[in-house]
Protein backbone atom coordinates (compact mmCIF):
# COMPACT_ATOMS: atom_id res chain seq x y z
CA UNK A 1 8.62 13.12 -0.75
CA UNK A 2 6.17 12.42 2.07
CA UNK A 3 2.56 13.62 1.97
CA UNK A 4 1.73 15.11 5.38
CA UNK A 5 -1.91 15.99 4.73
CA UNK A 6 -4.22 14.68 2.02
CA UNK A 7 -7.53 16.21 0.98
CA UNK A 8 -9.83 14.91 -1.73
CA UNK A 9 -13.31 15.19 -3.12
CA UNK A 10 -15.19 13.59 -6.01
CA UNK A 11 -13.34 10.25 -6.02
CA UNK A 12 -15.53 7.20 -6.62
CA UNK A 13 -17.56 6.32 -3.51
CA UNK A 14 -15.33 8.19 -1.06
CA UNK A 15 -16.75 10.99 1.04
CA UNK A 16 -14.72 14.20 0.94
CA UNK A 17 -12.00 14.10 3.59
CA UNK A 18 -8.87 15.74 4.94
CA UNK A 19 -6.35 13.34 6.49
CA UNK A 20 -3.34 14.00 8.69
CA UNK A 21 -0.83 11.38 7.65
CA UNK A 22 2.24 9.75 9.12
CA UNK A 23 5.53 10.14 7.27
CA UNK A 24 6.01 6.46 8.11
CA UNK A 25 3.18 3.95 7.64
CA UNK A 26 -0.52 4.64 7.08
CA UNK A 27 -2.91 1.68 7.24
CA UNK A 28 -6.43 1.81 5.83
CA UNK A 29 -8.51 -1.16 6.89
CA UNK A 30 -12.11 -2.25 6.46
CA UNK A 31 -14.38 -4.65 4.62
CA UNK A 32 -14.07 -5.34 0.90
CA UNK A 33 -15.76 -2.63 -1.12
CA UNK A 34 -15.47 -0.07 1.69
CA UNK A 35 -13.29 2.28 -0.39
CA UNK A 36 -9.77 1.45 0.88
CA UNK A 37 -8.25 1.07 -2.57
CA UNK A 38 -9.84 4.35 -3.65
CA UNK A 39 -7.70 6.10 -1.02
CA UNK A 40 -4.61 4.68 -2.73
CA UNK A 41 -6.02 5.93 -6.03
CA UNK A 42 -6.27 9.43 -4.54
CA UNK A 43 -2.58 9.40 -3.63
CA UNK A 44 -1.68 7.99 -7.06
CA UNK A 45 -3.68 10.78 -8.68
CA UNK A 46 -1.75 13.34 -6.65
CA UNK A 47 1.59 11.86 -7.74
CA UNK A 48 0.79 10.83 -11.33
CA UNK A 49 -2.39 12.75 -12.27
CA UNK A 50 -4.07 9.46 -13.17
CA UNK A 51 -5.48 6.33 -11.58
CA UNK A 52 -3.60 3.04 -11.48
CA UNK A 53 -6.79 1.03 -12.03
CA UNK A 54 -7.97 2.29 -15.38
CA UNK A 55 -6.28 4.00 -18.30
CA UNK A 56 -9.34 6.26 -18.67
CA UNK A 57 -9.01 8.05 -15.37
CA UNK A 58 -12.22 10.01 -15.90
CA UNK A 59 -14.16 7.02 -14.53
CA UNK A 60 -12.62 7.74 -11.12
CA UNK A 61 -14.75 10.88 -10.83
CA UNK A 62 -17.92 10.28 -8.81
CA UNK A 63 -20.91 9.76 -11.11
CA UNK A 64 -22.87 12.74 -9.81
CA UNK A 65 -19.93 15.20 -10.07
CA UNK A 66 -18.13 16.91 -12.93
CA UNK A 67 -14.61 16.79 -11.47
CA UNK A 68 -12.36 15.49 -8.74
CA UNK A 69 -9.77 17.38 -6.72
CA UNK A 70 -6.84 16.00 -4.72
CA UNK A 71 -4.47 18.23 -2.76
CA UNK A 72 -1.58 17.46 -0.49
CA UNK A 73 0.87 19.26 1.77
CA UNK A 74 4.32 17.77 1.21
CA UNK A 75 7.24 17.25 3.55
CA UNK A 76 9.17 20.23 2.22
CA UNK A 77 6.27 22.59 2.95
CA UNK A 78 5.01 22.81 -0.63
CA UNK A 79 1.39 22.30 -1.65
CA UNK A 80 0.40 20.14 -4.61
CA UNK A 81 -3.00 19.85 -6.26
CA UNK A 82 -4.46 17.83 -9.14
CA UNK A 83 -7.88 18.48 -10.67
CA UNK A 84 -9.47 16.20 -13.28
CA UNK A 85 -12.83 16.51 -15.02
CA UNK A 86 -15.25 13.95 -16.40
CA UNK A 87 -14.18 15.14 -19.87
CA UNK A 88 -10.54 14.24 -19.20
CA UNK A 89 -9.15 17.72 -18.64
CA UNK A 90 -6.36 17.91 -16.07
CA UNK A 91 -4.82 20.76 -14.09
CA UNK A 92 -1.72 20.36 -11.93
CA UNK A 93 -0.57 23.12 -9.58
CA UNK A 94 2.42 23.33 -7.24
CA UNK A 95 2.33 26.19 -4.74
CA UNK A 96 -0.36 27.85 -6.84
CA UNK A 97 1.65 27.68 -10.10
CA UNK A 98 0.78 25.37 -12.99
CA UNK A 99 3.35 22.71 -13.80
CA UNK A 100 4.65 22.78 -17.35
CA UNK A 101 4.58 19.02 -17.86
CA UNK A 102 3.47 15.73 -16.34
CA UNK A 103 7.12 14.68 -16.20
CA UNK A 104 7.76 17.41 -13.61
CA UNK A 105 5.01 15.98 -11.41
CA UNK A 106 6.26 12.40 -11.70
CA UNK A 107 9.80 13.44 -10.78
CA UNK A 108 8.52 15.30 -7.74
CA UNK A 109 7.11 12.29 -5.90
CA UNK A 110 8.18 8.83 -7.17
CA UNK A 111 5.51 6.23 -6.40
CA UNK A 112 5.77 2.45 -6.26
CA UNK A 113 2.59 0.41 -6.44
CA UNK A 114 2.23 -3.16 -5.16
CA UNK A 115 -1.19 -4.68 -5.85
CA UNK A 116 -2.80 -7.60 -7.66
CA UNK A 117 -1.81 -6.31 -11.11
CA UNK A 118 1.85 -6.17 -10.05
CA UNK A 119 2.09 -9.89 -10.85
CA UNK A 120 2.23 -8.74 -14.47
CA UNK A 121 5.95 -8.19 -13.91
CA UNK A 122 6.26 -11.98 -13.97
CA UNK A 123 3.27 -13.24 -15.94
CA UNK A 124 2.33 -10.24 -18.07
CA UNK A 125 3.51 -8.88 -21.40
CA UNK A 126 6.96 -7.43 -22.18
CA UNK A 127 5.29 -4.02 -22.04
CA UNK A 128 4.62 -4.46 -18.32
CA UNK A 129 8.30 -5.16 -17.66
CA UNK A 130 9.46 -2.33 -19.93
CA UNK A 131 7.30 0.04 -17.95
CA UNK A 132 8.94 -1.13 -14.74
CA UNK A 133 12.44 -0.82 -16.20
CA UNK A 134 11.79 2.62 -17.65
CA UNK A 135 10.43 3.88 -14.32
CA UNK A 136 13.91 3.39 -12.91
CA UNK A 137 15.69 4.85 -15.92
CA UNK A 138 13.36 7.88 -16.01
CA UNK A 139 14.06 8.79 -12.40
CA UNK A 140 17.83 8.39 -12.71
CA UNK A 141 18.68 9.62 -16.22
CA UNK A 142 17.78 13.21 -16.99
CA UNK A 143 18.06 12.80 -20.78
CA UNK A 144 15.86 9.70 -20.92
CA UNK A 145 12.52 11.47 -21.23
CA UNK A 146 13.62 13.67 -24.12
CA UNK A 147 15.17 10.73 -25.99
CA UNK A 148 12.05 8.64 -25.36
CA UNK A 149 9.93 11.37 -26.94
CA UNK A 150 12.31 11.43 -29.93
CA UNK A 151 11.99 7.68 -30.25
CA UNK A 152 8.19 7.78 -30.17
CA UNK A 153 7.99 10.56 -32.74
CA UNK A 154 10.40 8.91 -35.18
CA UNK A 155 8.77 5.50 -34.74
CA UNK A 156 5.31 6.97 -35.38
CA UNK A 157 6.51 8.66 -38.57
CA UNK A 158 8.36 5.58 -39.83
CA UNK A 159 5.29 3.41 -39.24
CA UNK A 160 3.10 5.96 -41.02
CA UNK A 161 5.35 5.80 -44.07
CA UNK A 162 5.40 2.00 -43.97
CA UNK A 163 1.60 1.90 -43.97
CA UNK A 164 1.24 4.45 -46.76
CA UNK A 165 2.51 2.04 -49.42
CA UNK A 166 4.26 4.91 -51.22
CA UNK A 167 7.56 5.31 -49.47
CA UNK A 168 9.79 8.24 -50.27
CA UNK A 169 13.25 6.85 -49.55
CA UNK A 170 14.56 10.27 -48.56
CA UNK A 171 11.75 10.73 -46.00
CA UNK A 172 12.19 7.23 -44.64
CA UNK A 173 15.95 7.77 -44.31
CA UNK A 174 15.39 10.90 -42.20
CA UNK A 175 13.09 9.17 -39.71
CA UNK A 176 15.15 5.98 -39.62
CA UNK A 177 18.27 7.95 -38.76
CA UNK A 178 16.41 9.74 -35.95
CA UNK A 179 14.88 6.46 -34.78
CA UNK A 180 18.22 4.62 -34.70
CA UNK A 181 19.98 7.38 -32.77
CA UNK A 182 17.23 7.54 -30.14
CA UNK A 183 16.95 3.74 -29.97
CA UNK A 184 20.62 3.26 -29.29
CA UNK A 185 20.56 5.89 -26.56
CA UNK A 186 17.52 4.32 -24.89
CA UNK A 187 19.19 0.90 -25.03
CA UNK A 188 22.34 2.35 -23.48
CA UNK A 189 20.38 3.93 -20.62
CA UNK A 190 18.62 0.66 -19.89
CA UNK A 191 21.81 -1.39 -19.89
CA UNK A 192 23.57 1.06 -17.61
CA UNK A 193 20.62 1.07 -15.21
CA UNK A 194 20.43 -2.73 -15.04
CA UNK A 195 24.15 -2.99 -14.26
CA UNK A 196 23.48 -1.27 -10.95
CA UNK A 197 19.93 -2.44 -10.30
CA UNK A 198 20.35 -6.21 -10.72
CA UNK A 199 22.91 -6.67 -7.89
CA UNK A 200 20.73 -4.50 -5.66
CA UNK A 201 17.70 -6.64 -6.52
CA UNK A 202 19.45 -9.91 -5.69
CA UNK A 203 20.59 -8.49 -2.36
CA UNK A 204 17.01 -7.52 -1.46
CA UNK A 205 15.57 -10.82 -2.73
CA UNK A 206 18.02 -12.83 -0.61
CA UNK A 207 16.70 -11.06 2.48
CA UNK A 208 13.16 -12.18 1.67
CA UNK A 209 13.42 -15.64 0.14
CA UNK A 210 16.05 -18.09 -1.12
CA UNK A 211 15.82 -18.34 -4.92
CA UNK A 212 19.43 -18.79 -6.03
CA UNK A 213 18.48 -19.83 -9.57
CA UNK A 214 16.46 -16.71 -10.34
CA UNK A 215 17.97 -14.50 -13.02
CA UNK A 216 17.06 -11.32 -14.90
CA UNK A 217 17.75 -11.39 -18.64
CA UNK A 218 17.65 -8.25 -20.76
CA UNK A 219 16.56 -8.42 -24.41
CA UNK A 220 17.07 -5.10 -26.14
CA UNK A 221 14.44 -5.57 -28.86
CA UNK A 222 16.65 -6.52 -31.81
CA UNK A 223 19.42 -9.01 -32.64
CA UNK A 224 22.26 -8.38 -30.20
CA UNK A 225 24.78 -9.45 -32.86
CA UNK A 226 23.71 -6.82 -35.41
CA UNK A 227 23.46 -3.01 -35.46
CA UNK A 228 19.92 -1.67 -35.67
CA UNK A 229 20.41 -0.04 -39.08
CA UNK A 230 21.29 -3.44 -40.54
CA UNK A 231 18.28 -5.06 -38.89
CA UNK A 232 15.93 -2.40 -40.25
CA UNK A 233 17.35 -2.81 -43.74
CA UNK A 234 16.85 -6.58 -43.65
CA UNK A 235 13.30 -6.31 -42.29
CA UNK A 236 12.07 -3.36 -44.35
CA UNK A 237 9.97 -5.39 -46.82
CA UNK A 238 8.39 -7.34 -44.00
CA UNK A 239 7.79 -4.12 -42.05
CA UNK A 240 5.99 -2.68 -45.08
CA UNK A 241 3.68 -5.69 -45.29
CA UNK A 242 2.92 -5.51 -41.55
CA UNK A 243 2.67 -1.73 -41.44
CA UNK A 244 4.87 -1.31 -38.37
CA UNK A 245 8.48 -1.56 -37.17
CA UNK A 246 9.23 -5.03 -35.83
CA UNK A 247 12.52 -4.32 -34.08
CA UNK A 248 13.70 -1.68 -31.64
CA UNK A 249 13.58 -0.68 -27.98
CA UNK A 250 9.76 -0.67 -28.07
CA UNK A 251 10.07 -4.47 -28.23
CA UNK A 252 12.56 -4.82 -25.38
CA UNK A 253 11.96 -7.16 -22.46
CA UNK A 254 13.36 -7.78 -18.98
CA UNK A 255 12.75 -11.52 -18.61
CA UNK A 256 12.72 -13.04 -15.14
CA UNK A 257 13.50 -16.76 -15.05
CA UNK A 258 14.16 -19.56 -12.59
CA UNK A 259 16.22 -22.47 -13.95
CA UNK A 260 15.72 -20.98 -17.44
CA UNK A 261 11.93 -21.19 -17.03
CA UNK A 262 9.68 -18.14 -16.72
CA UNK A 263 9.35 -17.35 -13.01
CA UNK A 264 5.55 -17.22 -13.28
CA UNK A 265 5.52 -20.87 -14.33
CA UNK A 266 8.00 -22.04 -11.69
CA UNK A 267 7.14 -20.19 -8.47
CA UNK A 268 4.23 -20.40 -6.06
CA UNK A 269 1.92 -17.43 -5.72
CA UNK A 270 3.53 -16.46 -2.44
CA UNK A 271 7.03 -16.65 -3.94
CA UNK A 272 5.89 -14.56 -6.89
CA UNK A 273 4.62 -11.86 -4.56
CA UNK A 274 7.95 -11.81 -2.72
CA UNK A 275 9.82 -11.46 -6.03
CA UNK A 276 7.52 -8.60 -7.07
CA UNK A 277 8.04 -6.89 -3.70
CA UNK A 278 11.81 -7.38 -4.03
CA UNK A 279 11.76 -5.78 -7.49
CA UNK A 280 9.85 -2.74 -6.24
CA UNK A 281 11.86 -2.33 -3.03
CA UNK A 282 15.18 -2.77 -4.85
CA UNK A 283 14.21 -0.20 -7.45
CA UNK A 284 13.38 2.30 -4.72
CA UNK A 285 16.53 1.46 -2.76
CA UNK A 286 18.67 1.94 -5.85
CA UNK A 287 17.00 5.30 -6.55
CA UNK A 288 17.62 6.40 -2.99
CA UNK A 289 21.28 5.42 -3.20
CA UNK A 290 21.81 7.16 -6.52
CA UNK A 291 19.63 10.25 -6.12
CA UNK A 292 18.95 10.42 -2.37
CA UNK A 293 15.27 10.48 -3.25
CA UNK A 294 12.78 8.40 -1.21
CA UNK A 295 9.76 6.67 -2.73
CA UNK A 296 6.11 6.64 -1.67
CA UNK A 297 4.76 3.08 -1.53
CA UNK A 298 1.13 2.19 -2.21
CA UNK A 299 0.46 -1.40 -1.12
CA UNK A 300 -2.96 -2.95 -1.61
CA UNK A 301 -3.72 -5.98 0.58
CA UNK A 302 -0.18 -6.99 1.54
CA UNK A 303 -1.17 -9.88 3.88
CA UNK A 304 -2.74 -11.83 1.01
CA UNK A 305 -0.59 -14.88 0.09
CA UNK A 306 2.11 -14.00 2.66
CA UNK A 307 2.69 -15.47 6.10
CA UNK A 308 3.57 -13.55 9.26
CA UNK A 309 7.30 -14.28 8.91
CA UNK A 310 7.59 -12.78 5.42
CA UNK A 311 5.43 -9.77 6.32
CA UNK A 312 7.93 -9.02 9.11
CA UNK A 313 10.84 -9.32 6.69
CA UNK A 314 9.19 -6.94 4.24
CA UNK A 315 8.55 -4.44 7.01
CA UNK A 316 12.18 -4.54 8.13
CA UNK A 317 13.36 -3.93 4.57
CA UNK A 318 10.98 -1.09 3.92
CA UNK A 319 11.86 0.57 7.19
CA UNK A 320 15.47 0.86 6.04
CA UNK A 321 14.25 2.86 3.04
CA UNK A 322 12.69 5.52 5.27
CA UNK A 323 9.84 5.69 2.77
CA UNK A 324 6.28 6.72 3.36
CA UNK A 325 3.95 3.72 3.07
CA UNK A 326 0.21 3.53 2.45
CA UNK A 327 -1.29 0.09 3.02
CA UNK A 328 -4.76 -1.42 2.83
CA UNK A 329 -6.07 -4.59 4.44
CA UNK A 330 -9.27 -6.17 5.71
CA UNK A 331 -7.81 -7.15 9.08
CA UNK A 332 -4.88 -5.10 10.42
CA UNK A 333 -3.83 -7.76 12.93
CA UNK A 334 -1.18 -9.41 10.65
CA UNK A 335 0.48 -6.00 10.24
CA UNK A 336 1.00 -5.24 13.92
CA UNK A 337 4.68 -6.19 13.74
CA UNK A 338 5.26 -4.78 10.25
CA UNK A 339 6.91 -1.63 11.61
CA UNK A 340 9.30 -1.57 14.57
CA UNK A 341 8.25 1.93 15.60
CA UNK A 342 4.47 1.92 16.17
CA UNK A 343 4.51 5.65 16.92
CA UNK A 344 5.17 6.19 13.18
CA UNK A 345 2.08 4.21 12.18
CA UNK A 346 -1.43 5.64 11.79
CA UNK A 347 -4.55 3.58 11.21
CA UNK A 348 -7.75 4.65 9.48
CA UNK A 349 -10.95 2.63 9.44
CA UNK A 350 -12.81 2.84 6.13
CA UNK A 351 -16.52 1.99 6.02
CA UNK A 352 -19.00 2.74 3.22
CA UNK A 353 -16.70 5.38 1.77
CA UNK A 354 -16.25 7.18 5.09
CA UNK A 355 -12.76 7.36 6.62
CA UNK A 356 -12.68 7.25 10.41
CA UNK A 357 -10.37 9.29 12.57
CA UNK A 358 -6.79 8.13 12.98
CA UNK A 359 -5.92 5.67 15.72
CA UNK A 360 -2.81 4.33 17.34
CA UNK A 361 -1.49 1.19 15.70
CA UNK A 362 -2.98 -1.93 17.20
CA UNK A 363 -5.93 -0.25 18.93
CA UNK A 364 -9.31 -1.95 18.38
């Protein structure tokens, strides 16, 4: 859902501001350190109630203040606000009413982030790729969130019993049964999602770059030839020594390879960025096809590592999504042909934490 106006105060080095935004593309440009990325953080806070830069979001609050506040008027006329304090307290309100859960907020405005840390999809840990996969499953499978909570609770209790050294078999059996049921459901959701997502991804990737040998391989987190209850039985003694559960969906991975080699080791930096962009765009396209729900894109420094030709291709693809896009860059010149309809693009100059008035795209 598009954000039509954005107001914020108390975020890092940014001066308080109220911005009238385009439902198409919004470009924030200026020197490094000017505060451009902090604007993206403000939008991420509105959509997710946390920053994308640090797990401890309280550091986003300006040093001299006790709290930050971000509010936005959305495309459907509703008003959303997120308040966070230095102590980590959070308050989320929609049309003046408190939201019951963070999951409600996340469903309201799906956000895709493309920045330097997005390369973790190729070169990072399995956890980075699980997070990407589960973003898609969460937004398309209503029961996923509840089953994920069941999985986490049962896994925590099983691990606690394993570490105790004094296992009551009856207690362990209860939590293992709960864990197995949730694990199998989570695995089923992921498989079903990938069946639809992978063809969509390859279609998007082919429009950006030719990588016919690139493949996505799903590893569910335990031996694909054995049921999970059998795996847990065989590994129980080892699990007790380690103090945690070795196998299950918390160990799953979505491996991306080229010629059976990890893509991060085979592709250039520019190719990697195109693959990452294709993953994010395809995920949003698939969500739009399945749920008719557009995504808000936050893109930090798109021109880096990409030439003019590929920037144009990305723009053409994203325009078909009809998504709202927020972009940062040092020099906006490479982005002048990113969007075919310049009347849907607004530019904001950021300097020393101050955001200048909006300008027509391409104006000096």
